[in-house]
Amino acid sequence: MNGTLNKVMLIGHTGDDVKMHYFDGGGSIGRFPLATNETYTNRTTGERVTNTEWHNIVVRNKAAEICEKYLKKGDKVYIEGRLKTRKWQDDQGRDRYSTEIQCSEFTFLTPKGEEGMSGQGSSQSQASQQQRSQQPQSQPQSQPIHDEDDDDLPF
């Protein structure tokens, strides 16, 4: 295979509310941690073991604003994007690295009745649809193969 692929798909729970940063040109960026869990039974002890992996999620512009409005700490969300490693220097001038998930798509999975106490998530499906509609038009939209309402078979 000659090509390469950088794609990440995660389902997890947010570890904090979305932290926003706004730029002079009108752009914005939102960041939040996402926890994914792996649970298994230790064969020797029979004990249930849960390992939690934390991921740094980055969303941009309108998608970031939608996430800020509707995602709260503890909400379950599906994230799709790509890995990106940033290099930066700390206060002592040492090189530091941070690996992030650059989010390209997301879907809120927390049911409406189970949100945090803010109660602002009543339009989660609308927010998800708004985010998808902002994707470039060059991406093909999936169409159903068979629609029962348009079925014109005589039997």
Protein backbone atom coordinates (compact mmCIF):
# COMPACT_ATOMS: atom_id res chain seq x y z
CA MET A 1 0.00 0.00 0.00
CA ASN A 2 1.53 3.30 -1.08
CA GLY A 3 -0.78 5.68 0.78
CA THR A 4 -0.90 6.50 4.45
CA LEU A 5 -3.77 6.96 6.88
CA ASN A 6 -4.05 9.08 10.00
CA LYS A 7 -7.53 8.49 11.43
CA VAL A 8 -8.77 8.19 15.01
CA MET A 9 -12.22 7.17 16.20
CA LEU A 10 -13.01 7.40 19.91
CA ILE A 11 -16.05 6.98 22.12
CA GLY A 12 -15.51 8.26 25.62
CA HIS A 13 -16.52 10.63 28.38
CA THR A 14 -15.39 14.24 28.62
CA GLY A 15 -13.08 14.93 31.55
CA ASP A 16 -13.87 18.65 31.71
CA ASP A 17 -15.89 21.36 30.00
CA VAL A 18 -14.58 22.72 26.69
CA LYS A 19 -11.96 25.45 27.16
CA MET A 20 -12.19 28.06 24.40
CA HIS A 21 -9.59 30.39 22.92
CA TYR A 22 -10.62 33.11 20.46
CA PHE A 23 -8.34 34.67 17.83
CA ASP A 24 -8.30 38.18 16.37
CA GLY A 25 -9.40 37.03 12.92
CA GLY A 26 -12.64 35.57 14.29
CA GLY A 27 -11.45 31.98 14.56
CA SER A 28 -11.67 29.92 17.70
CA ILE A 29 -10.31 26.71 19.13
CA GLY A 30 -11.75 24.48 21.83
CA ARG A 31 -9.90 21.88 23.87
CA PHE A 32 -11.11 19.20 26.24
CA PRO A 33 -9.89 15.88 27.64
CA LEU A 34 -11.63 12.63 26.69
CA ALA A 35 -11.38 9.41 28.71
CA THR A 36 -11.66 5.96 27.17
CA ASN A 37 -11.72 2.83 29.34
CA GLU A 38 -10.56 -0.72 28.85
CA THR A 39 -11.92 -3.30 31.29
CA TYR A 40 -10.75 -6.89 31.57
CA THR A 41 -10.47 -9.67 34.14
CA ASN A 42 -7.01 -10.55 35.41
CA ARG A 43 -6.60 -14.28 34.77
CA THR A 44 -4.40 -14.95 37.78
CA THR A 45 -6.37 -13.02 40.42
CA GLY A 46 -9.83 -12.99 38.85
CA GLU A 47 -10.00 -9.28 39.64
CA ARG A 48 -11.68 -6.81 37.27
CA VAL A 49 -9.15 -4.26 36.04
CA THR A 50 -10.03 -0.96 34.36
CA ASN A 51 -7.44 1.12 32.52
CA THR A 52 -8.29 4.68 31.56
CA GLU A 53 -6.57 6.41 28.65
CA TRP A 54 -6.81 10.22 28.37
CA HIS A 55 -6.88 11.97 24.99
CA ASN A 56 -6.50 15.70 24.26
CA ILE A 57 -9.26 16.73 21.84
CA VAL A 58 -9.03 19.90 19.72
CA VAL A 59 -12.00 21.34 17.77
CA ARG A 60 -11.99 24.51 15.70
CA ASN A 61 -14.25 27.45 14.82
CA LYS A 62 -18.02 26.80 14.72
CA ALA A 63 -17.62 23.16 15.77
CA ALA A 64 -15.73 24.36 18.86
CA GLU A 65 -18.54 26.77 19.72
CA ILE A 66 -21.12 23.98 19.37
CA CYS A 67 -19.06 21.72 21.63
CA GLU A 68 -18.66 24.50 24.19
CA LYS A 69 -22.40 25.07 24.24
CA TYR A 70 -23.57 21.45 24.48
CA LEU A 71 -20.75 19.33 25.94
CA LYS A 72 -20.36 19.19 29.70
CA LYS A 73 -17.99 17.27 31.93
CA GLY A 74 -18.92 13.57 31.97
CA ASP A 75 -20.88 13.59 28.69
CA LYS A 76 -20.39 10.68 26.32
CA VAL A 77 -19.26 11.65 22.82
CA TYR A 78 -18.03 10.06 19.59
CA ILE A 79 -14.97 11.81 18.15
CA GLU A 80 -13.42 11.30 14.74
CA GLY A 81 -10.24 13.02 13.64
CA ARG A 82 -6.50 12.68 13.18
CA LEU A 83 -3.45 12.55 15.42
CA LYS A 84 -1.24 15.62 15.59
CA THR A 85 1.89 16.04 17.70
CA ARG A 86 2.88 19.58 18.63
CA LYS A 87 6.34 20.62 19.77
CA TRP A 88 6.71 23.53 22.20
CA GLN A 89 9.12 24.85 24.81
CA ASP A 90 8.42 25.04 28.52
CA ASP A 91 9.50 27.85 30.87
CA GLN A 92 12.99 26.38 31.20
CA GLY A 93 13.43 26.24 27.40
CA ARG A 94 13.13 22.44 27.18
CA ASP A 95 11.41 20.92 24.19
CA ARG A 96 8.04 19.41 25.08
CA TYR A 97 5.64 17.39 22.97
CA SER A 98 1.87 17.10 23.09
CA THR A 99 -0.19 14.62 21.07
CA GLU A 100 -3.74 15.73 20.27
CA ILE A 101 -6.74 14.52 18.32
CA GLN A 102 -7.67 17.15 15.71
CA CYS A 103 -11.44 16.58 15.62
CA SER A 104 -13.14 16.58 12.22
CA GLU A 105 -16.49 15.04 13.24
CA PHE A 106 -18.33 14.43 16.48
CA THR A 107 -21.63 13.07 17.70
CA PHE A 108 -23.08 13.68 21.16
CA LEU A 109 -24.07 10.35 22.71
CA THR A 110 -25.36 11.37 26.14
CA PRO A 111 -29.17 11.03 26.18
CA LYS A 112 -31.03 14.28 26.77
CA GLY A 113 -32.27 13.26 30.22
CA GLU A 114 -28.81 12.31 31.49
CA GLU A 115 -26.94 15.57 30.94
CA GLY A 116 -25.18 17.59 33.57
CA MET A 117 -27.20 19.92 35.75
CA SER A 118 -26.98 22.76 33.24
CA GLY A 119 -29.86 21.38 31.15
CA GLN A 120 -28.66 23.18 28.03
CA GLY A 121 -28.36 20.07 25.86
CA SER A 122 -31.90 19.90 24.51
CA SER A 123 -30.64 20.62 20.99
CA GLN A 124 -27.81 18.09 20.87
CA SER A 125 -29.00 16.43 17.68
CA GLN A 126 -29.38 19.84 16.03
CA ALA A 127 -25.85 20.76 17.08
CA SER A 128 -24.50 17.54 15.62
CA GLN A 129 -26.36 18.20 12.37
CA GLN A 130 -25.05 21.76 12.26
CA GLN A 131 -21.49 20.51 12.71
CA ARG A 132 -21.87 17.98 9.90
CA SER A 133 -23.35 20.59 7.56
CA GLN A 134 -20.19 22.66 7.99
CA GLN A 135 -18.04 19.93 6.44
CA PRO A 136 -16.69 20.79 3.00
CA GLN A 137 -19.16 20.00 0.24
CA SER A 138 -16.56 17.93 -1.58
CA GLN A 139 -17.12 15.08 0.87
CA PRO A 140 -19.76 12.66 -0.39
CA GLN A 141 -22.90 12.44 1.66
CA SER A 142 -24.12 8.93 2.35
CA GLN A 143 -27.50 8.20 0.79
CA PRO A 144 -29.82 5.37 1.81
CA ILE A 145 -29.86 2.50 -0.66
CA HIS A 146 -33.53 1.79 -0.12
CA ASP A 147 -36.22 4.16 1.13
CA GLU A 148 -39.49 2.46 2.12
CA ASP A 149 -41.54 5.62 1.55
CA ASP A 150 -40.51 5.77 -2.10
CA ASP A 151 -41.08 2.08 -2.73
CA ASP A 152 -42.99 1.82 -6.04
CA LEU A 153 -43.06 -1.97 -6.30
CA PRO A 154 -46.59 -3.24 -7.10
CA PHE A 155 -46.55 -6.01 -4.49
